[in-house]
N, C-alpha and C. Protein backbone atom coordinates (compact mmCIF):
# COMPACT_ATOMS: atom_id res chain seq x y z
N MET A 1 -20.28 246.26 140.44
CA MET A 1 -19.26 246.23 139.47
C MET A 1 -20.39 246.48 138.15
N ALA A 2 -19.95 246.58 136.87
CA ALA A 2 -20.96 247.29 135.89
C ALA A 2 -20.43 246.47 134.44
N LEU A 3 -21.38 245.32 134.62
CA LEU A 3 -21.36 244.34 133.22
C LEU A 3 -22.00 244.94 131.98
N ALA A 4 -21.76 244.65 130.77
CA ALA A 4 -22.16 245.52 129.74
C ALA A 4 -23.49 244.57 129.38
N ALA A 5 -24.39 245.29 129.11
CA ALA A 5 -25.80 244.61 128.57
C ALA A 5 -26.20 245.99 127.38
N VAL A 6 -26.67 244.85 126.16
CA VAL A 6 -27.95 245.80 125.59
C VAL A 6 -28.92 244.90 125.26
N LEU A 7 -28.96 244.76 124.40
CA LEU A 7 -29.88 244.30 123.47
C LEU A 7 -30.62 243.03 123.18
N ALA A 8 -30.89 242.51 122.33
CA ALA A 8 -32.55 242.40 121.57
C ALA A 8 -32.72 240.84 121.52
N SER A 9 -31.77 240.19 121.20
CA SER A 9 -32.49 238.90 120.40
C SER A 9 -32.05 237.51 121.11
N GLY A 10 -31.61 237.92 122.33
CA GLY A 10 -31.37 236.39 123.05
C GLY A 10 -29.92 236.33 123.17
N ALA A 11 -29.03 236.78 122.36
CA ALA A 11 -27.87 236.60 122.21
C ALA A 11 -27.10 236.91 124.22
N VAL A 12 -26.07 236.15 124.39
CA VAL A 12 -25.64 236.89 125.78
C VAL A 12 -24.15 236.97 125.38
N TRP A 13 -23.56 238.57 126.07
CA TRP A 13 -22.43 239.09 126.43
C TRP A 13 -21.51 237.82 127.21
N VAL A 14 -20.47 237.44 127.17
CA VAL A 14 -19.73 236.71 128.23
C VAL A 14 -18.35 237.77 129.00
N ALA A 15 -18.14 238.34 130.34
CA ALA A 15 -17.34 238.61 130.67
C ALA A 15 -16.80 238.60 131.82
N GLN A 16 -15.34 237.82 132.35
CA GLN A 16 -15.07 237.89 133.23
C GLN A 16 -13.50 238.05 133.49
N ALA A 17 -12.77 238.40 134.37
CA ALA A 17 -11.30 238.71 134.71
C ALA A 17 -10.53 237.44 134.73
N PRO A 18 -9.43 237.47 134.66
CA PRO A 18 -8.79 235.99 135.29
C PRO A 18 -8.78 235.41 136.32
N ASP A 19 -8.90 236.86 137.57
CA ASP A 19 -9.34 236.21 138.73
C ASP A 19 -10.76 235.99 139.20
N GLY A 20 -11.57 235.80 138.30
CA GLY A 20 -12.88 235.32 138.46
C GLY A 20 -13.62 236.44 138.77
N ALA A 21 -13.22 237.32 138.71
CA ALA A 21 -14.61 238.43 138.92
C ALA A 21 -15.13 239.26 137.24
N ALA A 22 -16.47 239.66 137.67
CA ALA A 22 -16.38 239.68 135.91
C ALA A 22 -16.26 241.17 135.72
N ARG A 23 -16.21 241.45 134.45
CA ARG A 23 -15.53 243.19 133.82
C ARG A 23 -16.84 243.19 133.03
N SER A 24 -16.82 244.55 132.80
CA SER A 24 -17.62 244.93 130.98
C SER A 24 -16.88 243.99 130.14
N ALA A 25 -17.76 244.22 129.48
CA ALA A 25 -17.84 243.51 127.81
C ALA A 25 -16.22 244.48 127.19
N ASP A 26 -16.69 245.65 127.32
CA ASP A 26 -15.64 246.44 126.17
C ASP A 26 -14.66 247.27 126.90
N GLY A 27 -14.69 246.76 128.42
CA GLY A 27 -13.34 247.05 129.25
C GLY A 27 -12.80 246.00 129.75
N GLY A 28 -13.08 245.11 129.73
CA GLY A 28 -12.91 243.84 130.73
C GLY A 28 -11.52 243.44 130.65
N ALA A 29 -10.95 242.74 131.39
CA ALA A 29 -9.65 242.04 131.61
C ALA A 29 -9.20 240.48 130.49
N GLY A 30 -10.98 240.13 129.92
CA GLY A 30 -10.72 238.88 128.96
C GLY A 30 -10.35 237.75 130.07
N ARG A 31 -10.41 236.46 129.34
CA ARG A 31 -10.42 235.23 130.15
C ARG A 31 -9.43 234.29 129.66
N PRO A 32 -8.65 233.64 130.49
CA PRO A 32 -7.69 232.50 130.22
C PRO A 32 -8.35 231.23 129.52
N ALA A 33 -7.81 230.81 128.68
CA ALA A 33 -8.50 229.99 127.80
C ALA A 33 -8.77 228.86 128.65
N GLY A 34 -10.09 228.33 128.40
CA GLY A 34 -10.41 227.04 128.90
C GLY A 34 -11.34 227.65 130.51
N MET A 35 -11.44 229.04 131.03
CA MET A 35 -11.70 229.20 131.97
C MET A 35 -13.73 229.64 131.59
N ALA A 36 -13.94 229.08 132.89
CA ALA A 36 -15.39 229.58 132.27
C ALA A 36 -15.82 230.56 132.66
N THR A 37 -17.13 231.15 131.87
CA THR A 37 -17.03 232.88 132.49
C THR A 37 -18.79 233.00 132.91
N LYS A 38 -18.89 234.33 133.18
CA LYS A 38 -20.15 234.77 133.47
C LYS A 38 -20.72 235.64 132.40
N PRO A 39 -22.04 235.15 131.89
CA PRO A 39 -22.33 235.85 130.73
C PRO A 39 -23.21 236.95 131.39
N THR A 40 -23.50 238.15 130.46
CA THR A 40 -24.99 238.93 130.80
C THR A 40 -25.52 239.53 129.05
N VAL A 41 -26.41 240.19 128.74
CA VAL A 41 -26.89 239.98 127.63
C VAL A 41 -26.46 240.88 126.34
N GLY A 42 -26.34 240.87 125.56
CA GLY A 42 -25.67 241.59 124.52
C GLY A 42 -26.17 241.15 122.86
N THR A 43 -25.71 241.36 122.02
CA THR A 43 -26.31 241.17 120.58
C THR A 43 -25.08 241.11 119.59
N THR A 44 -25.28 240.10 118.33
CA THR A 44 -24.15 239.69 117.79
C THR A 44 -25.05 239.22 116.63
N ALA A 45 -24.15 238.66 115.67
CA ALA A 45 -24.56 238.57 114.18
C ALA A 45 -24.70 236.84 114.18
N LYS A 46 -23.90 236.25 113.88
CA LYS A 46 -23.87 234.33 114.10
C LYS A 46 -23.60 233.55 115.34
N PRO A 47 -24.49 232.41 115.33
CA PRO A 47 -24.06 231.53 116.45
C PRO A 47 -22.65 230.89 116.04
N VAL A 48 -21.99 230.48 116.89
CA VAL A 48 -21.00 229.57 117.00
C VAL A 48 -20.95 228.39 117.78
N ARG A 49 -21.15 227.23 116.70
CA ARG A 49 -21.72 225.82 117.19
C ARG A 49 -20.47 225.31 118.30
N ALA A 50 -20.22 224.76 119.01
CA ALA A 50 -19.23 223.71 119.84
C ALA A 50 -19.98 222.34 119.35
N PRO A 51 -18.47 221.60 119.53
CA PRO A 51 -19.16 219.90 119.21
C PRO A 51 -19.50 219.65 120.39
N ARG A 52 -20.52 218.47 120.48
CA ARG A 52 -21.61 218.35 121.33
C ARG A 52 -20.77 217.34 122.03
N VAL A 53 -20.97 216.72 122.98
CA VAL A 53 -19.71 216.39 124.07
C VAL A 53 -20.95 215.41 124.97
N PRO A 54 -20.18 214.50 125.81
CA PRO A 54 -21.36 213.48 126.56
C PRO A 54 -21.84 213.96 127.65
N GLY A 55 -23.23 214.44 127.59
CA GLY A 55 -23.77 215.02 128.78
C GLY A 55 -24.75 216.16 128.40
N ALA A 56 -24.37 216.78 127.17
CA ALA A 56 -24.48 217.97 127.29
C ALA A 56 -26.29 217.27 126.57
N PRO A 57 -27.28 218.78 126.79
CA PRO A 57 -28.57 219.11 126.85
C PRO A 57 -28.90 218.61 125.24
N GLU A 58 -29.62 217.72 124.88
CA GLU A 58 -29.77 217.53 123.50
C GLU A 58 -31.80 218.30 123.31
N ARG A 59 -32.46 218.30 124.57
CA ARG A 59 -33.87 218.73 124.13
C ARG A 59 -34.01 219.27 125.57
N VAL A 60 -35.24 220.19 125.46
CA VAL A 60 -35.75 220.77 126.52
C VAL A 60 -37.34 220.92 126.36
N ARG A 61 -37.54 220.55 127.72
CA ARG A 61 -39.26 220.54 127.47
C ARG A 61 -39.74 220.89 128.33
N ILE A 62 -41.05 221.68 127.98
CA ILE A 62 -41.78 222.73 129.13
C ILE A 62 -43.33 222.65 128.95
N PRO A 63 -43.81 221.54 129.47
CA PRO A 63 -45.13 221.29 129.25
C PRO A 63 -45.81 221.99 129.32
N ALA A 64 -46.09 222.93 130.33
CA ALA A 64 -46.95 224.35 130.73
C ALA A 64 -46.85 224.86 129.35
N LEU A 65 -45.95 225.20 128.27
CA LEU A 65 -45.69 225.70 127.58
C LEU A 65 -46.00 225.35 126.19
N GLY A 66 -46.08 223.79 125.99
CA GLY A 66 -46.17 223.18 124.95
C GLY A 66 -45.00 223.12 123.99
N VAL A 67 -43.82 223.42 124.85
CA VAL A 67 -42.49 223.71 124.23
C VAL A 67 -41.47 221.89 124.41
N ASP A 68 -41.64 221.71 123.19
CA ASP A 68 -40.59 220.43 122.92
C ASP A 68 -39.15 220.86 121.88
N ALA A 69 -37.93 221.56 122.44
CA ALA A 69 -37.54 221.95 121.50
C ALA A 69 -35.76 221.76 121.67
N PRO A 70 -35.08 221.04 120.24
CA PRO A 70 -33.70 220.94 120.08
C PRO A 70 -32.98 222.19 120.89
N ILE A 71 -31.74 221.36 121.39
CA ILE A 71 -30.84 222.50 121.81
C ILE A 71 -29.30 222.01 121.40
N LEU A 72 -28.86 223.13 120.82
CA LEU A 72 -27.68 222.72 120.15
C LEU A 72 -26.45 223.26 121.12
N PRO A 73 -25.26 222.89 121.12
CA PRO A 73 -24.33 223.48 121.98
C PRO A 73 -23.65 224.72 121.09
N VAL A 74 -23.53 225.89 121.63
CA VAL A 74 -22.78 226.98 121.39
C VAL A 74 -21.78 227.61 122.05
N ARG A 75 -20.86 228.18 121.58
CA ARG A 75 -19.44 228.87 122.12
C ARG A 75 -19.63 230.40 122.38
N ALA A 76 -18.89 231.10 122.65
CA ALA A 76 -18.91 232.77 122.86
C ALA A 76 -17.66 232.79 123.01
N PRO A 77 -17.02 232.92 121.49
CA PRO A 77 -16.13 233.68 120.71
C PRO A 77 -16.32 235.16 121.09
N ASP A 78 -15.05 235.79 121.55
CA ASP A 78 -15.07 237.33 121.50
C ASP A 78 -16.31 237.87 122.55
N ARG A 79 -16.42 236.61 123.45
CA ARG A 79 -17.37 237.47 124.75
C ARG A 79 -18.91 236.98 124.45
N THR A 80 -19.02 236.76 123.06
CA THR A 80 -20.77 236.51 122.70
C THR A 80 -21.36 235.11 122.62
N LEU A 81 -22.34 235.18 123.25
CA LEU A 81 -23.19 233.67 122.87
C LEU A 81 -24.33 233.57 122.30
N VAL A 82 -24.55 233.46 121.21
CA VAL A 82 -25.89 233.69 120.21
C VAL A 82 -26.28 232.41 119.90
N PRO A 83 -27.42 232.60 120.56
CA PRO A 83 -28.66 230.95 119.97
C PRO A 83 -28.84 230.88 118.67
N PRO A 84 -28.97 229.69 118.13
CA PRO A 84 -29.29 229.26 116.83
C PRO A 84 -29.99 230.47 116.08
N ALA A 85 -30.21 230.83 114.39
CA ALA A 85 -30.96 231.65 114.39
C ALA A 85 -32.21 231.24 114.20
N ASP A 86 -32.77 229.85 113.93
CA ASP A 86 -34.21 229.02 114.20
C ASP A 86 -34.63 229.49 115.10
N PRO A 87 -35.19 230.38 115.85
CA PRO A 87 -36.23 230.66 117.22
C PRO A 87 -36.97 229.52 117.60
N MET A 88 -37.04 228.28 116.75
CA MET A 88 -37.50 226.77 117.55
C MET A 88 -36.31 225.74 117.96
N ARG A 89 -35.05 226.73 118.05
CA ARG A 89 -33.93 226.00 118.53
C ARG A 89 -33.31 226.69 119.77
N LEU A 90 -32.81 226.07 120.47
CA LEU A 90 -32.50 226.79 121.37
C LEU A 90 -30.52 226.51 121.61
N GLY A 91 -29.90 227.75 122.14
CA GLY A 91 -28.21 227.17 122.36
C GLY A 91 -27.95 227.18 123.92
N TRP A 92 -27.20 226.06 124.09
CA TRP A 92 -26.96 226.04 125.12
C TRP A 92 -25.17 226.48 125.57
N TRP A 93 -25.06 227.07 126.65
CA TRP A 93 -23.72 227.91 126.40
C TRP A 93 -22.54 226.19 127.14
N ALA A 94 -21.98 225.80 126.03
CA ALA A 94 -20.76 224.87 126.17
C ALA A 94 -19.95 224.85 127.09
N ASP A 95 -19.59 226.11 127.56
CA ASP A 95 -18.69 225.91 128.47
C ASP A 95 -19.40 226.62 129.75
N GLY A 96 -20.56 226.25 129.95
CA GLY A 96 -20.85 226.08 131.58
C GLY A 96 -21.32 224.60 131.93
N ALA A 97 -21.97 224.29 132.88
CA ALA A 97 -22.68 223.54 133.70
C ALA A 97 -23.34 222.41 132.67
N ARG A 98 -23.15 221.30 133.05
CA ARG A 98 -24.44 220.34 132.11
C ARG A 98 -25.48 219.91 132.66
N PRO A 99 -26.70 219.47 132.55
CA PRO A 99 -27.61 219.21 133.12
C PRO A 99 -27.08 217.75 134.05
N GLY A 100 -27.86 218.27 135.49
CA GLY A 100 -27.44 216.94 136.41
C GLY A 100 -26.31 217.56 137.05
N GLU A 101 -25.22 218.41 136.78
CA GLU A 101 -24.09 218.22 137.60
C GLU A 101 -24.40 219.26 139.05
N ARG A 102 -23.93 219.19 139.91
CA ARG A 102 -24.14 219.35 141.61
C ARG A 102 -23.54 221.00 141.25
N ARG A 103 -22.89 221.64 140.72
CA ARG A 103 -22.61 222.87 140.72
C ARG A 103 -22.43 223.34 139.42
N GLY A 104 -22.92 224.45 139.21
CA GLY A 104 -23.12 225.87 138.38
C GLY A 104 -24.55 225.63 137.41
N SER A 105 -24.21 226.80 136.64
CA SER A 105 -26.18 227.26 136.01
C SER A 105 -25.66 226.20 134.08
N VAL A 106 -26.72 225.71 133.78
CA VAL A 106 -27.02 225.03 132.95
C VAL A 106 -27.83 226.70 131.77
N LEU A 107 -26.69 227.21 130.98
CA LEU A 107 -27.74 228.35 130.29
C LEU A 107 -28.00 227.92 129.30
N VAL A 108 -29.48 227.97 128.76
CA VAL A 108 -30.18 228.12 127.55
C VAL A 108 -30.36 229.04 127.15
N THR A 109 -30.38 229.60 125.64
CA THR A 109 -31.06 230.88 125.36
C THR A 109 -31.76 230.31 124.21
N GLY A 110 -32.69 231.22 123.87
CA GLY A 110 -33.13 231.36 122.21
C GLY A 110 -33.75 232.62 122.08
N HIS A 111 -33.60 232.86 120.79
CA HIS A 111 -34.60 234.11 120.18
C HIS A 111 -35.96 233.91 120.74
N THR A 112 -36.29 235.23 120.72
CA THR A 112 -38.18 235.29 120.56
C THR A 112 -38.26 236.27 119.50
N VAL A 113 -39.40 235.79 119.29
CA VAL A 113 -40.15 236.14 117.54
C VAL A 113 -41.49 237.10 118.19
N HIS A 114 -41.41 238.13 117.95
CA HIS A 114 -42.14 239.27 118.56
C HIS A 114 -43.92 238.70 118.19
N ASP A 115 -44.03 238.03 117.02
CA ASP A 115 -45.28 237.91 116.27
C ASP A 115 -45.75 236.34 116.28
N GLY A 116 -44.81 235.45 117.35
CA GLY A 116 -44.97 233.87 117.36
C GLY A 116 -43.86 233.32 116.53
N ASP A 117 -43.90 231.75 116.86
CA ASP A 117 -43.24 231.32 116.40
C ASP A 117 -41.73 230.87 116.88
N GLY A 118 -41.64 231.39 118.15
CA GLY A 118 -40.37 230.90 119.08
C GLY A 118 -40.39 230.32 120.32
N ALA A 119 -39.59 229.14 120.30
CA ALA A 119 -39.91 228.02 121.08
C ALA A 119 -40.43 229.01 122.79
N LEU A 120 -39.51 229.96 122.96
CA LEU A 120 -39.71 230.94 124.48
C LEU A 120 -40.37 231.60 124.14
N ASP A 121 -41.32 232.06 123.28
CA ASP A 121 -42.06 233.33 123.16
C ASP A 121 -42.34 233.68 124.52
N ASP A 122 -43.13 232.66 125.26
CA ASP A 122 -43.98 232.52 126.33
C ASP A 122 -43.51 232.10 127.59
N LEU A 123 -42.36 232.50 127.67
CA LEU A 123 -41.33 231.80 128.41
C LEU A 123 -41.76 232.67 129.95
N GLU A 124 -42.15 234.19 129.73
CA GLU A 124 -42.46 234.65 131.05
C GLU A 124 -43.98 234.31 131.67
N THR A 125 -44.71 233.68 131.34
CA THR A 125 -45.68 232.87 131.89
C THR A 125 -45.79 231.80 132.82
N LEU A 126 -44.24 231.19 132.69
CA LEU A 126 -44.24 230.40 133.70
C LEU A 126 -44.32 230.62 135.35
N ARG A 127 -44.53 229.74 135.70
CA ARG A 127 -44.73 229.79 137.34
C ARG A 127 -43.89 228.92 138.21
N SER A 128 -43.74 229.50 139.41
CA SER A 128 -42.67 229.12 140.25
C SER A 128 -43.66 227.54 140.38
N GLY A 129 -42.98 225.87 140.57
CA GLY A 129 -43.69 224.91 140.72
C GLY A 129 -43.89 224.10 139.84
N GLU A 130 -43.68 224.59 138.53
CA GLU A 130 -43.68 224.26 136.90
C GLU A 130 -42.62 223.31 136.54
N ARG A 131 -43.03 222.62 135.80
CA ARG A 131 -41.61 221.48 135.31
C ARG A 131 -41.16 221.83 134.32
N VAL A 132 -39.55 221.71 134.12
CA VAL A 132 -39.09 221.72 132.70
C VAL A 132 -38.02 220.53 132.81
N SER A 133 -38.35 219.83 132.03
CA SER A 133 -37.06 218.43 131.62
C SER A 133 -36.01 218.81 130.79
N VAL A 134 -34.68 218.40 130.76
CA VAL A 134 -33.66 218.73 129.81
C VAL A 134 -33.22 217.33 129.77
N ARG A 135 -33.38 216.77 128.30
CA ARG A 135 -33.07 215.47 127.63
C ARG A 135 -31.07 215.27 127.38
N THR A 136 -30.61 214.31 127.84
CA THR A 136 -28.89 214.23 127.47
C THR A 136 -28.85 212.63 126.94
N ASP A 137 -27.71 212.84 126.73
CA ASP A 137 -27.58 211.55 126.04
C ASP A 137 -27.26 210.17 127.01
N ALA A 138 -27.63 210.90 128.57
CA ALA A 138 -27.83 210.18 129.36
C ALA A 138 -29.09 210.13 130.14
N GLY A 139 -29.76 210.27 129.75
CA GLY A 139 -31.21 210.57 130.41
C GLY A 139 -32.13 212.13 130.27
N THR A 140 -32.92 211.87 131.10
CA THR A 140 -33.73 213.07 131.54
C THR A 140 -33.05 213.57 132.55
N VAL A 141 -33.18 215.02 132.82
CA VAL A 141 -33.17 215.24 134.02
C VAL A 141 -34.25 216.80 134.45
N PRO A 142 -34.86 216.22 135.36
CA PRO A 142 -36.10 217.22 135.48
C PRO A 142 -35.69 218.45 136.43
N TYR A 143 -36.51 219.31 136.19
CA TYR A 143 -36.35 220.73 137.30
C TYR A 143 -37.58 221.08 137.26
N VAL A 144 -37.72 222.05 138.55
CA VAL A 144 -38.68 222.81 138.80
C VAL A 144 -38.45 224.34 139.04
N VAL A 145 -39.34 225.12 138.18
CA VAL A 145 -38.89 226.71 138.30
C VAL A 145 -39.06 226.77 139.68
N ARG A 146 -38.38 227.66 140.15
CA ARG A 146 -37.98 228.49 141.57
C ARG A 146 -38.37 230.13 141.28
N ARG A 147 -37.88 230.41 139.70
CA ARG A 147 -38.05 232.08 139.96
C ARG A 147 -38.35 232.59 137.92
N VAL A 148 -39.23 233.41 138.32
CA VAL A 148 -39.61 234.00 136.72
C VAL A 148 -39.28 235.50 136.85
N GLU A 149 -38.32 236.04 136.52
CA GLU A 149 -37.80 237.42 136.73
C GLU A 149 -37.78 238.15 135.45
N ILE A 150 -38.34 239.33 135.24
CA ILE A 150 -38.29 240.47 133.91
C ILE A 150 -37.11 241.73 134.49
N TYR A 151 -36.23 241.50 133.36
CA TYR A 151 -34.97 242.56 133.87
C TYR A 151 -35.34 243.68 132.73
N THR A 152 -34.86 244.68 132.90
CA THR A 152 -34.55 245.84 131.57
C THR A 152 -33.14 245.49 131.40
N LYS A 153 -32.68 245.96 130.27
CA LYS A 153 -31.55 245.37 129.78
C LYS A 153 -30.46 245.85 130.73
N GLY A 154 -30.49 247.13 131.23
CA GLY A 154 -29.26 247.27 132.45
C GLY A 154 -29.71 246.84 133.92
N GLY A 155 -31.08 246.40 134.29
CA GLY A 155 -31.15 245.84 134.88
C GLY A 155 -30.54 244.42 134.90
N LEU A 156 -30.69 243.64 133.95
CA LEU A 156 -29.79 242.17 133.71
C LEU A 156 -28.06 242.62 133.72
N ALA A 157 -28.10 243.85 133.41
CA ALA A 157 -26.74 243.67 133.19
C ALA A 157 -25.84 243.75 135.09
N ARG A 158 -26.83 244.57 135.92
CA ARG A 158 -26.43 244.28 137.43
C ARG A 158 -26.67 243.13 137.88
N HIS A 159 -27.59 242.49 137.61
CA HIS A 159 -27.73 241.11 138.32
C HIS A 159 -27.08 240.01 137.42
N ALA A 160 -26.17 240.00 136.35
CA ALA A 160 -25.82 239.21 135.73
C ALA A 160 -24.95 237.99 136.21
N GLU A 161 -24.10 238.28 137.31
CA GLU A 161 -23.20 237.99 138.10
C GLU A 161 -24.15 236.90 138.61
N ARG A 162 -25.15 237.15 139.58
CA ARG A 162 -25.62 236.33 140.23
C ARG A 162 -26.67 235.45 139.25
N LEU A 163 -27.27 235.93 138.30
CA LEU A 163 -28.16 235.00 137.31
C LEU A 163 -27.88 233.71 137.01
N PHE A 164 -26.13 234.18 136.65
CA PHE A 164 -25.44 233.54 135.36
C PHE A 164 -24.38 232.73 136.14
N SER A 165 -24.12 232.92 137.47
CA SER A 165 -22.76 232.14 138.24
C SER A 165 -22.47 230.33 137.75
N GLN A 166 -21.34 230.27 137.69
CA GLN A 166 -21.02 228.69 137.94
C GLN A 166 -21.01 228.24 139.30
N ASP A 167 -20.81 229.25 140.24
CA ASP A 167 -20.35 229.06 141.28
C ASP A 167 -21.85 229.22 142.63
N VAL A 168 -22.90 228.18 142.31
CA VAL A 168 -23.76 227.85 142.59
C VAL A 168 -24.03 226.18 142.51
N ALA A 169 -25.05 225.87 143.31
CA ALA A 169 -25.36 224.83 143.34
C ALA A 169 -26.01 224.33 142.15
N GLY A 170 -26.28 222.99 141.51
CA GLY A 170 -26.62 222.88 140.09
C GLY A 170 -27.93 223.53 139.74
N ARG A 171 -28.44 224.33 138.50
CA ARG A 171 -29.43 224.52 138.05
C ARG A 171 -29.50 225.14 136.36
N LEU A 172 -30.93 225.28 136.04
CA LEU A 172 -31.15 225.62 134.90
C LEU A 172 -31.62 226.85 134.70
N VAL A 173 -30.77 227.56 133.68
CA VAL A 173 -31.17 229.10 133.68
C VAL A 173 -31.67 229.21 132.08
N LEU A 174 -32.89 229.86 131.71
CA LEU A 174 -33.66 229.82 130.64
C LEU A 174 -33.55 231.58 130.28
N ILE A 175 -32.98 231.68 129.06
CA ILE A 175 -33.13 232.97 129.34
C ILE A 175 -33.66 233.49 127.68
N THR A 176 -34.37 234.45 127.22
CA THR A 176 -34.55 235.11 125.94
C THR A 176 -35.37 236.69 126.41
N CYS A 177 -35.47 237.05 125.24
CA CYS A 177 -36.17 238.62 125.20
C CYS A 177 -37.35 238.54 125.59
N GLU A 178 -37.82 239.86 125.60
CA GLU A 178 -39.26 240.07 125.80
C GLU A 178 -39.48 241.48 126.29
N ASP A 179 -40.95 242.31 125.89
CA ASP A 179 -41.09 243.89 125.75
C ASP A 179 -40.91 244.26 124.54
N TRP A 180 -41.43 243.97 123.45
CA TRP A 180 -41.10 244.18 122.32
C TRP A 180 -42.22 245.15 122.12
N ASP A 181 -41.48 246.37 121.85
CA ASP A 181 -42.09 247.60 121.74
C ASP A 181 -42.40 248.56 120.24
N GLY A 182 -42.39 247.71 119.14
CA GLY A 182 -42.61 247.83 117.87
C GLY A 182 -41.30 247.83 117.16
N SER A 183 -40.04 247.98 117.75
CA SER A 183 -38.96 247.98 116.78
C SER A 183 -37.66 247.11 117.90
N ARG A 184 -37.97 246.83 118.85
CA ARG A 184 -36.92 246.37 119.60
C ARG A 184 -37.43 245.57 120.99
N TYR A 185 -36.56 244.45 121.60
CA TYR A 185 -36.70 244.34 122.43
C TYR A 185 -36.33 245.12 123.93
N LEU A 186 -37.12 245.44 124.61
CA LEU A 186 -36.99 246.12 125.98
C LEU A 186 -36.35 245.79 127.03
N SER A 187 -36.68 244.21 127.53
CA SER A 187 -36.32 243.49 128.59
C SER A 187 -35.85 242.13 128.14
N ASN A 188 -35.82 241.31 128.95
CA ASN A 188 -35.31 239.93 129.12
C ASN A 188 -36.12 239.27 130.50
N VAL A 189 -36.60 237.97 130.19
CA VAL A 189 -37.05 236.80 130.93
C VAL A 189 -36.12 236.53 131.02
N VAL A 190 -35.92 235.76 132.82
CA VAL A 190 -34.74 235.07 133.02
C VAL A 190 -35.50 233.54 134.05
N VAL A 191 -35.94 232.50 133.71
CA VAL A 191 -36.27 231.68 134.72
C VAL A 191 -34.90 230.98 134.78
N THR A 192 -35.09 230.83 136.62
CA THR A 192 -34.28 229.74 137.26
C THR A 192 -34.71 228.37 137.63
N ALA A 193 -34.57 227.49 137.15
CA ALA A 193 -34.77 226.12 137.89
C ALA A 193 -34.03 225.58 138.49
N ARG A 194 -34.43 224.56 139.81
CA ARG A 194 -33.57 223.74 140.28
C ARG A 194 -33.85 222.04 139.99
N PRO A 195 -33.07 221.52 140.03
CA PRO A 195 -32.89 219.78 139.88
C PRO A 195 -34.13 219.24 140.61
N VAL A 196 -35.07 218.33 140.37
CA VAL A 196 -35.62 217.93 141.16
C VAL A 196 -34.90 216.81 141.70
N ARG A 197 -34.60 216.27 143.04
CA ARG A 197 -33.13 215.14 143.31
C ARG A 197 -34.53 214.07 144.25
C-alpha cells in the first residue's frame, strides 16, 4: 500500500485508517482521536509542542557521535510531525511509545544541517552494536543499535509501516535527512535500536 512520502527536513507525515491500516496522507481515511498512528516522511512549517508526560524522553545520548541532545514532545496535527526548528533539539512523537515500554516504536526525529550543527548530522555513521541512551524522568533507558538504513524518499514511504510500527517489541527509531544535493535532501537515514535488558 502506498504511503505518502516527500522531502527534506526531518518532518514526518502520519497516516493511518481507523482499522489500523496505514493510508496515504493525501487520500487516507484519517484517524480517530487518541489512536496511535504510523508515520512516514514529509515536510511542513512549524512543530506543534505536546505537554511533557511522565516517562517522556528528555535527552538522547549517542556517545559514538558525541551527541547529548534535548528532546521535546511534539504532536502530529494534520498528520504531520515536525521536529523543533533548532537542529540541536530533537522531537519525540508524543502519540507513540515511551522509552522502556515493551511495545511500540519510540520515534525521535531531528533536522539535519548540510553544513553542520545538527545533532543528527552524522547519524548514518552509527554502526550495529553501538549504544544510545534515552533519559526520562524515571531514569535512563539504554539501547543498542541494530540497523542503520538509508532510504530514498520513495523507499521510505514503501517501508514506513514497518519502520514506524507501534505493533512491535519496544524499540527506539531515530530518523533524519541525508544526501544533500546542494538544494535538497534526497534520502533519510533510519536507525533502529533495541533496549538493553
